Amino acid sequence: ILFGETAGLFEYLYGREKDLLKTARRFLVRWE
């Protein structure tokens, strides 16, 4: 279970696009 991880849904729906891209990249690195 990936506690404390987020794919960026908050940034996707309510945030800025650059923050979404940053969160997405970070999540992909942690997924690996």
PDB file of all heavy atoms in Angstrom:
ATOM      1  N   ILE A   1       0.846  -1.190   0.000  1.00  0.00           N
ATOM      2  CA  ILE A   1       0.000   0.000   0.000  1.00  0.00           C
ATOM      3  C   ILE A   1       0.881   1.239   0.000  1.00  0.00           C
ATOM      4  O   ILE A   1       1.780   1.373   0.843  1.00  0.00           O
ATOM      5  CB  ILE A   1      -0.936   0.021   1.220  1.00  0.00           C
ATOM      6  CG1 ILE A   1      -1.747  -1.279   1.286  1.00  0.00           C
ATOM      7  CG2 ILE A   1      -1.865   1.218   1.154  1.00  0.00           C
ATOM      8  CD1 ILE A   1      -2.595  -1.403   2.526  1.00  0.00           C
ATOM      9  N   LEU A   2       0.636   2.147  -0.933  1.00  0.00           N
ATOM     10  CA  LEU A   2       1.451   3.355  -1.075  1.00  0.00           C
ATOM     11  C   LEU A   2       0.847   4.485  -0.248  1.00  0.00           C
ATOM     12  O   LEU A   2       0.221   5.411  -0.773  1.00  0.00           O
ATOM     13  CB  LEU A   2       1.551   3.755  -2.551  1.00  0.00           C
ATOM     14  CG  LEU A   2       2.041   2.669  -3.521  1.00  0.00           C
ATOM     15  CD1 LEU A   2       2.174   3.235  -4.917  1.00  0.00           C
ATOM     16  CD2 LEU A   2       3.360   2.068  -3.047  1.00  0.00           C
ATOM     17  N   PHE A   3       1.045   4.418   1.057  1.00  0.00           N
ATOM     18  CA  PHE A   3       0.555   5.482   1.931  1.00  0.00           C
ATOM     19  C   PHE A   3       1.352   6.768   1.677  1.00  0.00           C
ATOM     20  O   PHE A   3       2.563   6.732   1.462  1.00  0.00           O
ATOM     21  CB  PHE A   3       0.704   5.089   3.404  1.00  0.00           C
ATOM     22  CG  PHE A   3      -0.284   4.067   3.863  1.00  0.00           C
ATOM     23  CD1 PHE A   3       0.132   2.793   4.224  1.00  0.00           C
ATOM     24  CD2 PHE A   3      -1.637   4.368   3.939  1.00  0.00           C
ATOM     25  CE1 PHE A   3      -0.777   1.847   4.657  1.00  0.00           C
ATOM     26  CE2 PHE A   3      -2.556   3.422   4.373  1.00  0.00           C
ATOM     27  CZ  PHE A   3      -2.125   2.159   4.726  1.00  0.00           C
ATOM     28  N   GLY A   4       0.660   7.893   1.724  1.00  0.00           N
ATOM     29  CA  GLY A   4       1.337   9.175   1.577  1.00  0.00           C
ATOM     30  C   GLY A   4       1.690   9.558   0.158  1.00  0.00           C
ATOM     31  O   GLY A   4       2.252  10.620  -0.077  1.00  0.00           O
ATOM     32  N   GLU A   5       1.377   8.688  -0.809  1.00  0.00           N
ATOM     33  CA  GLU A   5       1.661   9.005  -2.214  1.00  0.00           C
ATOM     34  C   GLU A   5       0.419   9.582  -2.885  1.00  0.00           C
ATOM     35  O   GLU A   5      -0.710   9.261  -2.505  1.00  0.00           O
ATOM     36  CB  GLU A   5       2.116   7.758  -2.966  1.00  0.00           C
ATOM     37  CG  GLU A   5       3.388   7.120  -2.426  1.00  0.00           C
ATOM     38  CD  GLU A   5       4.617   7.956  -2.697  1.00  0.00           C
ATOM     39  OE1 GLU A   5       4.528   8.943  -3.449  1.00  0.00           O
ATOM     40  OE2 GLU A   5       5.679   7.637  -2.131  1.00  0.00           O
ATOM     41  N   THR A   6       0.644  10.400  -3.888  1.00  0.00           N
ATOM     42  CA  THR A   6      -0.462  10.965  -4.672  1.00  0.00           C
ATOM     43  C   THR A   6      -0.041  11.079  -6.122  1.00  0.00           C
ATOM     44  O   THR A   6       1.110  11.410  -6.421  1.00  0.00           O
ATOM     45  CB  THR A   6      -0.883  12.346  -4.135  1.00  0.00           C
ATOM     46  OG1 THR A   6      -1.809  12.958  -5.046  1.00  0.00           O
ATOM     47  CG2 THR A   6       0.310  13.275  -3.958  1.00  0.00           C
ATOM     48  N   ALA A   7      -0.981  10.792  -7.014  1.00  0.00           N
ATOM     49  CA  ALA A   7      -0.702  10.866  -8.450  1.00  0.00           C
ATOM     50  C   ALA A   7      -0.899  12.272  -9.003  1.00  0.00           C
ATOM     51  O   ALA A   7      -0.598  12.533 -10.162  1.00  0.00           O
ATOM     52  CB  ALA A   7      -1.591   9.884  -9.202  1.00  0.00           C
ATOM     53  N   GLY A   8      -1.428  13.193  -8.176  1.00  0.00           N
ATOM     54  CA  GLY A   8      -1.605  14.572  -8.634  1.00  0.00           C
ATOM     55  C   GLY A   8      -3.043  14.934  -8.959  1.00  0.00           C
ATOM     56  O   GLY A   8      -3.282  15.886  -9.701  1.00  0.00           O
ATOM     57  N   LEU A   9      -4.013  14.199  -8.390  1.00  0.00           N
ATOM     58  CA  LEU A   9      -5.414  14.484  -8.705  1.00  0.00           C
ATOM     59  C   LEU A   9      -5.818  15.877  -8.244  1.00  0.00           C
ATOM     60  O   LEU A   9      -6.572  16.579  -8.939  1.00  0.00           O
ATOM     61  CB  LEU A   9      -6.325  13.432  -8.065  1.00  0.00           C
ATOM     62  CG  LEU A   9      -7.821  13.553  -8.391  1.00  0.00           C
ATOM     63  CD1 LEU A   9      -8.059  13.383  -9.895  1.00  0.00           C
ATOM     64  CD2 LEU A   9      -8.632  12.527  -7.609  1.00  0.00           C
ATOM     65  N   PHE A  10      -5.326  16.301  -7.079  1.00  0.00           N
ATOM     66  CA  PHE A  10      -5.648  17.646  -6.596  1.00  0.00           C
ATOM     67  C   PHE A  10      -5.140  18.708  -7.566  1.00  0.00           C
ATOM     68  O   PHE A  10      -5.862  19.654  -7.921  1.00  0.00           O
ATOM     69  CB  PHE A  10      -5.042  17.879  -5.205  1.00  0.00           C
ATOM     70  CG  PHE A  10      -5.131  19.303  -4.740  1.00  0.00           C
ATOM     71  CD1 PHE A  10      -6.325  19.815  -4.262  1.00  0.00           C
ATOM     72  CD2 PHE A  10      -4.023  20.135  -4.805  1.00  0.00           C
ATOM     73  CE1 PHE A  10      -6.416  21.148  -3.857  1.00  0.00           C
ATOM     74  CE2 PHE A  10      -4.098  21.457  -4.394  1.00  0.00           C
ATOM     75  CZ  PHE A  10      -5.301  21.965  -3.917  1.00  0.00           C
ATOM     76  N   GLU A  11      -3.898  18.559  -8.016  1.00  0.00           N
ATOM     77  CA  GLU A  11      -3.337  19.529  -8.969  1.00  0.00           C
ATOM     78  C   GLU A  11      -4.081  19.475 -10.300  1.00  0.00           C
ATOM     79  O   GLU A  11      -4.271  20.506 -10.956  1.00  0.00           O
ATOM     80  CB  GLU A  11      -1.850  19.246  -9.188  1.00  0.00           C
ATOM     81  CG  GLU A  11      -0.959  19.576  -8.009  1.00  0.00           C
ATOM     82  CD  GLU A  11      -1.015  18.536  -6.898  1.00  0.00           C
ATOM     83  OE1 GLU A  11      -1.572  17.428  -7.136  1.00  0.00           O
ATOM     84  OE2 GLU A  11      -0.522  18.810  -5.796  1.00  0.00           O
ATOM     85  N   TYR A  12      -4.508  18.286 -10.688  1.00  0.00           N
ATOM     86  CA  TYR A  12      -5.237  18.115 -11.949  1.00  0.00           C
ATOM     87  C   TYR A  12      -6.573  18.853 -11.938  1.00  0.00           C
ATOM     88  O   TYR A  12      -6.951  19.515 -12.899  1.00  0.00           O
ATOM     89  CB  TYR A  12      -5.445  16.618 -12.177  1.00  0.00           C
ATOM     90  CG  TYR A  12      -6.279  16.254 -13.386  1.00  0.00           C
ATOM     91  CD1 TYR A  12      -5.876  16.583 -14.668  1.00  0.00           C
ATOM     92  CD2 TYR A  12      -7.466  15.539 -13.226  1.00  0.00           C
ATOM     93  CE1 TYR A  12      -6.640  16.230 -15.766  1.00  0.00           C
ATOM     94  CE2 TYR A  12      -8.234  15.172 -14.318  1.00  0.00           C
ATOM     95  CZ  TYR A  12      -7.818  15.521 -15.584  1.00  0.00           C
ATOM     96  OH  TYR A  12      -8.575  15.175 -16.670  1.00  0.00           O
ATOM     97  N   LEU A  13      -7.284  18.760 -10.809  1.00  0.00           N
ATOM     98  CA  LEU A  13      -8.618  19.359 -10.728  1.00  0.00           C
ATOM     99  C   LEU A  13      -8.605  20.798 -10.222  1.00  0.00           C
ATOM    100  O   LEU A  13      -9.449  21.600 -10.638  1.00  0.00           O
ATOM    101  CB  LEU A  13      -9.507  18.518  -9.805  1.00  0.00           C
ATOM    102  CG  LEU A  13      -9.825  17.104 -10.279  1.00  0.00           C
ATOM    103  CD1 LEU A  13     -10.607  16.365  -9.209  1.00  0.00           C
ATOM    104  CD2 LEU A  13     -10.602  17.123 -11.594  1.00  0.00           C
ATOM    105  N   TYR A  14      -7.655  21.133  -9.346  1.00  0.00           N
ATOM    106  CA  TYR A  14      -7.725  22.427  -8.675  1.00  0.00           C
ATOM    107  C   TYR A  14      -6.436  23.245  -8.727  1.00  0.00           C
ATOM    108  O   TYR A  14      -6.429  24.392  -8.268  1.00  0.00           O
ATOM    109  CB  TYR A  14      -8.093  22.227  -7.193  1.00  0.00           C
ATOM    110  CG  TYR A  14      -9.336  21.411  -6.987  1.00  0.00           C
ATOM    111  CD1 TYR A  14      -9.290  20.141  -6.424  1.00  0.00           C
ATOM    112  CD2 TYR A  14     -10.580  21.910  -7.366  1.00  0.00           C
ATOM    113  CE1 TYR A  14     -10.437  19.394  -6.240  1.00  0.00           C
ATOM    114  CE2 TYR A  14     -11.733  21.162  -7.186  1.00  0.00           C
ATOM    115  CZ  TYR A  14     -11.650  19.907  -6.620  1.00  0.00           C
ATOM    116  OH  TYR A  14     -12.784  19.173  -6.441  1.00  0.00           O
ATOM    117  N   GLY A  15      -5.363  22.675  -9.247  1.00  0.00           N
ATOM    118  CA  GLY A  15      -4.079  23.357  -9.196  1.00  0.00           C
ATOM    119  C   GLY A  15      -3.586  23.839 -10.549  1.00  0.00           C
ATOM    120  O   GLY A  15      -4.307  23.845 -11.540  1.00  0.00           O
ATOM    121  N   ARG A  16      -2.313  24.205 -10.545  1.00  0.00           N
ATOM    122  CA  ARG A  16      -1.676  24.700 -11.764  1.00  0.00           C
ATOM    123  C   ARG A  16      -1.089  23.529 -12.554  1.00  0.00           C
ATOM    124  O   ARG A  16      -0.699  22.522 -11.987  1.00  0.00           O
ATOM    125  CB  ARG A  16      -0.578  25.699 -11.412  1.00  0.00           C
ATOM    126  CG  ARG A  16      -1.071  26.937 -10.687  1.00  0.00           C
ATOM    127  CD  ARG A  16       0.071  27.863 -10.314  1.00  0.00           C
ATOM    128  NE  ARG A  16       1.004  27.200  -9.401  1.00  0.00           N
ATOM    129  CZ  ARG A  16       2.120  27.757  -8.963  1.00  0.00           C
ATOM    130  NH1 ARG A  16       2.441  28.988  -9.358  1.00  0.00           N
ATOM    131  NH2 ARG A  16       2.923  27.101  -8.137  1.00  0.00           N
ATOM    132  N   GLU A  17      -0.994  23.733 -13.869  1.00  0.00           N
ATOM    133  CA  GLU A  17      -0.521  22.657 -14.725  1.00  0.00           C
ATOM    134  C   GLU A  17       0.930  22.298 -14.430  1.00  0.00           C
ATOM    135  O   GLU A  17       1.300  21.118 -14.440  1.00  0.00           O
ATOM    136  CB  GLU A  17      -0.675  23.045 -16.198  1.00  0.00           C
ATOM    137  CG  GLU A  17      -0.467  21.891 -17.150  1.00  0.00           C
ATOM    138  CD  GLU A  17      -0.883  22.225 -18.559  1.00  0.00           C
ATOM    139  OE1 GLU A  17      -0.727  23.392 -18.967  1.00  0.00           O
ATOM    140  OE2 GLU A  17      -1.365  21.325 -19.253  1.00  0.00           O
ATOM    141  N   LYS A  18       1.764  23.292 -14.133  1.00  0.00           N
ATOM    142  CA  LYS A  18       3.171  22.992 -13.860  1.00  0.00           C
ATOM    143  C   LYS A  18       3.316  22.182 -12.573  1.00  0.00           C
ATOM    144  O   LYS A  18       4.208  21.338 -12.466  1.00  0.00           O
ATOM    145  CB  LYS A  18       3.997  24.272 -13.791  1.00  0.00           C
ATOM    146  CG  LYS A  18       3.695  25.204 -12.658  1.00  0.00           C
ATOM    147  CD  LYS A  18       4.646  26.404 -12.697  1.00  0.00           C
ATOM    148  CE  LYS A  18       4.424  27.326 -11.515  1.00  0.00           C
ATOM    149  NZ  LYS A  18       5.366  28.486 -11.547  1.00  0.00           N
ATOM    150  N   ASP A  19       2.426  22.409 -11.603  1.00  0.00           N
ATOM    151  CA  ASP A  19       2.454  21.611 -10.377  1.00  0.00           C
ATOM    152  C   ASP A  19       2.002  20.179 -10.650  1.00  0.00           C
ATOM    153  O   ASP A  19       2.512  19.223 -10.050  1.00  0.00           O
ATOM    154  CB  ASP A  19       1.557  22.246  -9.310  1.00  0.00           C
ATOM    155  CG  ASP A  19       2.092  23.580  -8.822  1.00  0.00           C
ATOM    156  OD1 ASP A  19       3.317  23.778  -8.880  1.00  0.00           O
ATOM    157  OD2 ASP A  19       1.280  24.437  -8.418  1.00  0.00           O
ATOM    158  N   LEU A  20       1.033  20.028 -11.557  1.00  0.00           N
ATOM    159  CA  LEU A  20       0.576  18.687 -11.942  1.00  0.00           C
ATOM    160  C   LEU A  20       1.712  17.906 -12.593  1.00  0.00           C
ATOM    161  O   LEU A  20       1.949  16.735 -12.266  1.00  0.00           O
ATOM    162  CB  LEU A  20      -0.615  18.794 -12.899  1.00  0.00           C
ATOM    163  CG  LEU A  20      -1.029  17.506 -13.622  1.00  0.00           C
ATOM    164  CD1 LEU A  20      -1.433  16.435 -12.624  1.00  0.00           C
ATOM    165  CD2 LEU A  20      -2.157  17.776 -14.593  1.00  0.00           C
ATOM    166  N   LEU A  21       2.432  18.537 -13.515  1.00  0.00           N
ATOM    167  CA  LEU A  21       3.535  17.866 -14.197  1.00  0.00           C
ATOM    168  C   LEU A  21       4.630  17.471 -13.209  1.00  0.00           C
ATOM    169  O   LEU A  21       5.201  16.379 -13.292  1.00  0.00           O
ATOM    170  CB  LEU A  21       4.106  18.781 -15.286  1.00  0.00           C
ATOM    171  CG  LEU A  21       3.172  19.090 -16.450  1.00  0.00           C
ATOM    172  CD1 LEU A  21       3.791  20.120 -17.371  1.00  0.00           C
ATOM    173  CD2 LEU A  21       2.848  17.821 -17.223  1.00  0.00           C
ATOM    174  N   LYS A  22       4.908  18.350 -12.264  1.00  0.00           N
ATOM    175  CA  LYS A  22       5.921  18.072 -11.248  1.00  0.00           C
ATOM    176  C   LYS A  22       5.521  16.876 -10.391  1.00  0.00           C
ATOM    177  O   LYS A  22       6.334  15.980 -10.118  1.00  0.00           O
ATOM    178  CB  LYS A  22       6.124  19.314 -10.377  1.00  0.00           C
ATOM    179  CG  LYS A  22       7.167  19.162  -9.298  1.00  0.00           C
ATOM    180  CD  LYS A  22       7.285  20.446  -8.494  1.00  0.00           C
ATOM    181  CE  LYS A  22       8.272  20.293  -7.337  1.00  0.00           C
ATOM    182  NZ  LYS A  22       8.357  21.553  -6.539  1.00  0.00           N
ATOM    183  N   THR A  23       4.263  16.849  -9.975  1.00  0.00           N
ATOM    184  CA  THR A  23       3.766  15.743  -9.142  1.00  0.00           C
ATOM    185  C   THR A  23       3.745  14.439  -9.925  1.00  0.00           C
ATOM    186  O   THR A  23       4.099  13.377  -9.394  1.00  0.00           O
ATOM    187  CB  THR A  23       2.352  16.053  -8.631  1.00  0.00           C
ATOM    188  OG1 THR A  23       2.367  17.306  -7.923  1.00  0.00           O
ATOM    189  CG2 THR A  23       1.850  14.972  -7.700  1.00  0.00           C
ATOM    190  N   ALA A  24       3.340  14.502 -11.188  1.00  0.00           N
ATOM    191  CA  ALA A  24       3.286  13.298 -12.029  1.00  0.00           C
ATOM    192  C   ALA A  24       4.678  12.693 -12.211  1.00  0.00           C
ATOM    193  O   ALA A  24       4.859  11.475 -12.099  1.00  0.00           O
ATOM    194  CB  ALA A  24       2.665  13.631 -13.378  1.00  0.00           C
ATOM    195  N   ARG A  25       5.668  13.548 -12.487  1.00  0.00           N
ATOM    196  CA  ARG A  25       7.036  13.055 -12.666  1.00  0.00           C
ATOM    197  C   ARG A  25       7.547  12.402 -11.376  1.00  0.00           C
ATOM    198  O   ARG A  25       8.167  11.342 -11.403  1.00  0.00           O
ATOM    199  CB  ARG A  25       7.964  14.209 -13.067  1.00  0.00           C
ATOM    200  CG  ARG A  25       7.728  14.740 -14.468  1.00  0.00           C
ATOM    201  CD  ARG A  25       8.846  15.672 -14.878  1.00  0.00           C
ATOM    202  NE  ARG A  25       8.557  16.305 -16.165  1.00  0.00           N
ATOM    203  CZ  ARG A  25       8.089  17.542 -16.293  1.00  0.00           C
ATOM    204  NH1 ARG A  25       7.859  18.281 -15.216  1.00  0.00           N
ATOM    205  NH2 ARG A  25       7.850  18.051 -17.479  1.00  0.00           N
ATOM    206  N   ARG A  26       7.285  13.054 -10.248  1.00  0.00           N
ATOM    207  CA  ARG A  26       7.733  12.522  -8.968  1.00  0.00           C
ATOM    208  C   ARG A  26       7.074  11.175  -8.666  1.00  0.00           C
ATOM    209  O   ARG A  26       7.729  10.251  -8.173  1.00  0.00           O
ATOM    210  CB  ARG A  26       7.433  13.528  -7.855  1.00  0.00           C
ATOM    211  CG  ARG A  26       7.919  13.077  -6.477  1.00  0.00           C
ATOM    212  CD  ARG A  26       7.792  14.181  -5.462  1.00  0.00           C
ATOM    213  NE  ARG A  26       6.415  14.616  -5.311  1.00  0.00           N
ATOM    214  CZ  ARG A  26       6.056  15.664  -4.580  1.00  0.00           C
ATOM    215  NH1 ARG A  26       6.969  16.390  -3.964  1.00  0.00           N
ATOM    216  NH2 ARG A  26       4.789  15.989  -4.479  1.00  0.00           N
ATOM    217  N   PHE A  27       5.778  11.063  -8.981  1.00  0.00           N
ATOM    218  CA  PHE A  27       5.085   9.801  -8.721  1.00  0.00           C
ATOM    219  C   PHE A  27       5.638   8.675  -9.597  1.00  0.00           C
ATOM    220  O   PHE A  27       5.795   7.538  -9.130  1.00  0.00           O
ATOM    221  CB  PHE A  27       3.590   9.954  -8.960  1.00  0.00           C
ATOM    222  CG  PHE A  27       2.823   8.678  -8.748  1.00  0.00           C
ATOM    223  CD1 PHE A  27       2.641   8.168  -7.468  1.00  0.00           C
ATOM    224  CD2 PHE A  27       2.304   7.973  -9.819  1.00  0.00           C
ATOM    225  CE1 PHE A  27       1.957   6.978  -7.263  1.00  0.00           C
ATOM    226  CE2 PHE A  27       1.614   6.791  -9.631  1.00  0.00           C
ATOM    227  CZ  PHE A  27       1.440   6.297  -8.345  1.00  0.00           C
ATOM    228  N   LEU A  28       5.943   8.972 -10.862  1.00  0.00           N
ATOM    229  CA  LEU A  28       6.495   7.945 -11.751  1.00  0.00           C
ATOM    230  C   LEU A  28       7.854   7.457 -11.260  1.00  0.00           C
ATOM    231  O   LEU A  28       8.164   6.262 -11.329  1.00  0.00           O
ATOM    232  CB  LEU A  28       6.617   8.503 -13.173  1.00  0.00           C
ATOM    233  CG  LEU A  28       5.284   8.712 -13.912  1.00  0.00           C
ATOM    234  CD1 LEU A  28       5.526   9.398 -15.249  1.00  0.00           C
ATOM    235  CD2 LEU A  28       4.567   7.386 -14.123  1.00  0.00           C
ATOM    236  N   VAL A  29       8.671   8.374 -10.748  1.00  0.00           N
ATOM    237  CA  VAL A  29       9.984   8.003 -10.203  1.00  0.00           C
ATOM    238  C   VAL A  29       9.803   7.078  -8.999  1.00  0.00           C
ATOM    239  O   VAL A  29      10.504   6.063  -8.863  1.00  0.00           O
ATOM    240  CB  VAL A  29      10.783   9.262  -9.811  1.00  0.00           C
ATOM    241  CG1 VAL A  29      12.020   8.886  -9.001  1.00  0.00           C
ATOM    242  CG2 VAL A  29      11.198  10.036 -11.060  1.00  0.00           C
ATOM    243  N   ARG A  30       8.851   7.404  -8.126  1.00  0.00           N
ATOM    244  CA  ARG A  30       8.621   6.580  -6.937  1.00  0.00           C
ATOM    245  C   ARG A  30       7.986   5.249  -7.293  1.00  0.00           C
ATOM    246  O   ARG A  30       8.244   4.236  -6.629  1.00  0.00           O
ATOM    247  CB  ARG A  30       7.750   7.359  -5.949  1.00  0.00           C
ATOM    248  CG  ARG A  30       8.468   8.569  -5.369  1.00  0.00           C
ATOM    249  CD  ARG A  30       7.620   9.297  -4.352  1.00  0.00           C
ATOM    250  NE  ARG A  30       8.349  10.439  -3.809  1.00  0.00           N
ATOM    251  CZ  ARG A  30       7.871  11.256  -2.876  1.00  0.00           C
ATOM    252  NH1 ARG A  30       6.660  11.068  -2.387  1.00  0.00           N
ATOM    253  NH2 ARG A  30       8.589  12.256  -2.438  1.00  0.00           N
ATOM    254  N   TRP A  31       7.167   5.243  -8.319  1.00  0.00           N
ATOM    255  CA  TRP A  31       6.579   3.982  -8.786  1.00  0.00           C
ATOM    256  C   TRP A  31       7.693   3.017  -9.199  1.00  0.00           C
ATOM    257  O   TRP A  31       7.680   1.831  -8.856  1.00  0.00           O
ATOM    258  CB  TRP A  31       5.646   4.274  -9.962  1.00  0.00           C
ATOM    259  CG  TRP A  31       4.819   3.115 -10.425  1.00  0.00           C
ATOM    260  CD1 TRP A  31       4.891   1.811 -10.015  1.00  0.00           C
ATOM    261  CD2 TRP A  31       3.777   3.160 -11.411  1.00  0.00           C
ATOM    262  NE1 TRP A  31       3.968   1.037 -10.687  1.00  0.00           N
ATOM    263  CE2 TRP A  31       3.262   1.843 -11.547  1.00  0.00           C
ATOM    264  CE3 TRP A  31       3.228   4.176 -12.187  1.00  0.00           C
ATOM    265  CZ2 TRP A  31       2.245   1.531 -12.434  1.00  0.00           C
ATOM    266  CZ3 TRP A  31       2.199   3.860 -13.070  1.00  0.00           C
ATOM    267  CH2 TRP A  31       1.718   2.551 -13.189  1.00  0.00           C
ATOM    268  N   GLU A  32       8.679   3.533  -9.925  1.00  0.00           N
ATOM    269  CA  GLU A  32       9.813   2.702 -10.329  1.00  0.00           C
ATOM    270  C   GLU A  32      10.624   2.251  -9.116  1.00  0.00           C
ATOM    271  O   GLU A  32      11.143   1.136  -9.078  1.00  0.00           O
ATOM    272  CB  GLU A  32      10.706   3.478 -11.292  1.00  0.00           C
ATOM    273  CG  GLU A  32      10.068   3.721 -12.651  1.00  0.00           C
ATOM    274  CD  GLU A  32      10.990   4.481 -13.588  1.00  0.00           C
ATOM    275  OE1 GLU A  32      12.088   4.876 -13.138  1.00  0.00           O
ATOM    276  OE2 GLU A  32      10.618   4.683 -14.758  1.00  0.00           O
TER     277      GLU A  32
END
